[in-house]
Amino acid sequence: MSDDTIPLITIDEKTNCSKLVAELILDHFGIAKKDQDLHLLAGMGKGMGLGSICGGLAGGMFAINLLLNRSGASDLEIEDAHRTFRHAFLEKFSAVNCSEIIDLHFEQKPHEYEERQARFCGNLLDESSSEVVEIVNMVVSQINPISTSMNQH
């Protein structure tokens, strides 16, 4: 996929990458987003503001918790889902820390860095969201074999 086909993400003072990935996942499952839930992700973007754990990873784990708790998953099932997601994320992006991911995927070219990062992070959030959807559906189908996925709209 070329840089031109990846959508730019828009992050402002009211949102961040962690909130965006959680919103994408909740939208997929038709679950109303509660502001108080997403406020829990405040400050989690840009590697928690420190270049640490990627907001896409943090938002994905938040969505896993929210969705699997609603489905009656045990703590062990949720921990397994976290491990599965972290492994898939690491395989895809070669790191889990925001600063490491950015360093691995970009040359420092100040005139294009911000736009390329925005496109790359848009792709990362999209791929992270898709991975979480697959993992949640897999775990839910194991909990309740009659239902192959959560109610989707």
Protein backbone atom coordinates (compact mmCIF):
# COMPACT_ATOMS: atom_id res chain seq x y z
CA MET A 1 0.00 0.00 0.00
CA SER A 2 1.47 3.35 -0.98
CA ASP A 3 1.51 6.34 1.36
CA ASP A 4 -1.07 8.05 -0.87
CA THR A 5 -3.74 5.38 -0.32
CA ILE A 6 -3.51 5.30 3.47
CA PRO A 7 -5.93 7.73 5.14
CA LEU A 8 -4.55 10.50 7.30
CA ILE A 9 -5.70 10.30 10.89
CA THR A 10 -6.74 13.43 12.68
CA ILE A 11 -5.66 13.76 16.26
CA ASP A 12 -6.48 16.86 18.26
CA GLU A 13 -6.74 17.88 21.91
CA LYS A 14 -9.91 15.77 22.36
CA THR A 15 -8.74 12.50 20.84
CA ASN A 16 -5.67 10.35 20.38
CA CYS A 17 -4.63 7.15 18.62
CA SER A 18 -5.67 4.99 21.56
CA LYS A 19 -9.20 6.44 21.59
CA LEU A 20 -9.46 6.14 17.80
CA VAL A 21 -8.62 2.43 17.68
CA ALA A 22 -11.08 1.71 20.52
CA GLU A 23 -13.79 3.69 18.67
CA LEU A 24 -13.17 1.78 15.42
CA ILE A 25 -13.58 -1.53 17.25
CA LEU A 26 -16.65 -0.50 19.23
CA ASP A 27 -18.24 0.88 16.05
CA HIS A 28 -17.61 -2.43 14.33
CA PHE A 29 -19.55 -4.26 17.04
CA GLY A 30 -22.30 -1.63 17.13
CA ILE A 31 -21.57 -0.71 20.72
CA ALA A 32 -22.39 2.82 21.75
CA LYS A 33 -19.32 4.70 22.84
CA LYS A 34 -19.67 6.20 26.27
CA ASP A 35 -17.60 9.31 26.78
CA GLN A 36 -16.71 8.18 30.28
CA ASP A 37 -15.28 4.93 28.89
CA LEU A 38 -13.15 6.66 26.27
CA HIS A 39 -11.98 9.26 28.79
CA LEU A 40 -10.10 6.40 30.41
CA LEU A 41 -7.83 6.54 27.36
CA ALA A 42 -6.95 10.22 27.83
CA GLY A 43 -3.20 10.73 27.61
CA MET A 44 -2.62 7.27 26.12
CA GLY A 45 -1.75 8.53 22.63
CA LYS A 46 1.78 9.00 21.34
CA GLY A 47 3.03 6.19 23.52
CA MET A 48 1.26 7.50 26.61
CA GLY A 49 2.81 10.86 25.82
CA LEU A 50 6.25 9.36 26.44
CA GLY A 51 6.96 7.30 23.32
CA SER A 52 6.17 4.20 25.38
CA ILE A 53 3.41 1.62 24.68
CA CYS A 54 1.75 2.41 21.33
CA GLY A 55 -1.71 3.94 21.59
CA GLY A 56 -2.97 1.48 18.97
CA LEU A 57 -1.93 -1.39 21.21
CA ALA A 58 -3.35 0.23 24.35
CA GLY A 59 -6.66 1.08 22.67
CA GLY A 60 -6.93 -2.44 21.30
CA MET A 61 -6.40 -3.95 24.74
CA PHE A 62 -8.97 -1.57 26.21
CA ALA A 63 -11.50 -2.72 23.59
CA ILE A 64 -10.65 -6.37 24.27
CA ASN A 65 -11.38 -5.79 27.98
CA LEU A 66 -14.64 -3.98 27.33
CA LEU A 67 -15.97 -6.46 24.76
CA LEU A 68 -14.87 -9.67 26.42
CA ASN A 69 -16.11 -8.59 29.85
CA ARG A 70 -19.53 -8.02 28.25
CA SER A 71 -19.33 -11.55 26.82
CA GLY A 72 -18.61 -13.22 30.14
CA ALA A 73 -14.96 -14.03 29.46
CA SER A 74 -12.79 -14.97 32.42
CA ASP A 75 -9.68 -13.04 33.40
CA LEU A 76 -7.56 -15.85 31.94
CA GLU A 77 -9.40 -15.68 28.61
CA ILE A 78 -8.90 -11.92 28.50
CA GLU A 79 -5.20 -12.28 29.36
CA ASP A 80 -4.86 -14.85 26.55
CA ALA A 81 -6.57 -12.43 24.16
CA HIS A 82 -4.11 -9.70 25.24
CA ARG A 83 -1.16 -12.02 24.58
CA THR A 84 -2.54 -12.99 21.17
CA PHE A 85 -3.07 -9.34 20.21
CA ARG A 86 0.36 -8.24 21.49
CA HIS A 87 2.02 -11.08 19.55
CA ALA A 88 0.17 -10.20 16.32
CA PHE A 89 0.96 -6.50 16.83
CA LEU A 90 4.65 -7.23 17.43
CA GLU A 91 4.79 -9.48 14.35
CA LYS A 92 3.24 -6.75 12.20
CA PHE A 93 5.02 -3.65 13.50
CA SER A 94 8.26 -5.12 14.98
CA ALA A 95 7.89 -3.27 18.29
CA VAL A 96 5.27 -2.26 20.86
CA ASN A 97 6.68 1.12 21.90
CA CYS A 98 5.59 4.14 19.86
CA SER A 99 9.08 5.64 19.63
CA GLU A 100 10.58 2.32 18.45
CA ILE A 101 7.83 1.80 15.87
CA ILE A 102 8.35 5.28 14.47
CA ASP A 103 12.16 4.87 14.42
CA LEU A 104 11.86 1.51 12.63
CA HIS A 105 9.52 2.78 9.94
CA PHE A 106 10.72 6.32 9.18
CA GLU A 107 13.72 8.25 8.13
CA GLN A 108 13.86 11.63 9.77
CA LYS A 109 12.85 13.98 6.95
CA PRO A 110 11.35 17.00 8.73
CA HIS A 111 9.42 18.28 5.70
CA GLU A 112 7.43 15.02 5.29
CA TYR A 113 7.76 13.30 8.66
CA GLU A 114 4.46 14.43 10.22
CA GLU A 115 2.34 13.53 7.18
CA ARG A 116 4.04 10.14 6.73
CA GLN A 117 3.63 9.42 10.43
CA ALA A 118 -0.05 10.35 10.26
CA ARG A 119 -0.57 8.02 7.27
CA PHE A 120 1.43 5.22 8.88
CA CYS A 121 -0.43 5.54 12.18
CA GLY A 122 -3.75 5.56 10.30
CA ASN A 123 -2.78 2.23 8.76
CA LEU A 124 -1.55 0.90 12.13
CA LEU A 125 -4.86 1.78 13.79
CA ASP A 126 -6.86 0.16 10.99
CA GLU A 127 -4.81 -3.04 11.10
CA SER A 128 -4.83 -3.13 14.92
CA SER A 129 -8.61 -2.73 14.93
CA SER A 130 -9.06 -5.58 12.45
CA GLU A 131 -6.83 -7.85 14.52
CA VAL A 132 -8.79 -7.11 17.71
CA VAL A 133 -12.08 -7.86 15.93
CA GLU A 134 -10.74 -11.28 14.88
CA ILE A 135 -9.43 -12.05 18.37
CA VAL A 136 -12.65 -10.97 20.10
CA ASN A 137 -14.74 -13.08 17.71
CA MET A 138 -12.47 -16.07 18.30
CA VAL A 139 -12.66 -15.80 22.10
CA VAL A 140 -16.43 -15.19 22.09
CA SER A 141 -16.97 -18.25 19.88
CA GLN A 142 -14.99 -20.34 22.39
CA ILE A 143 -17.04 -19.00 25.31
CA ASN A 144 -20.35 -19.47 23.51
CA PRO A 145 -19.96 -21.92 20.59
CA ILE A 146 -23.54 -21.23 19.43
CA SER A 147 -22.62 -17.62 18.65
CA THR A 148 -19.75 -17.31 16.20
CA SER A 149 -19.29 -13.59 16.84
CA MET A 150 -20.61 -10.74 18.90
CA ASN A 151 -23.67 -8.96 17.57
CA GLN A 152 -22.47 -6.89 14.66
CA HIS A 153 -24.20 -4.07 12.81
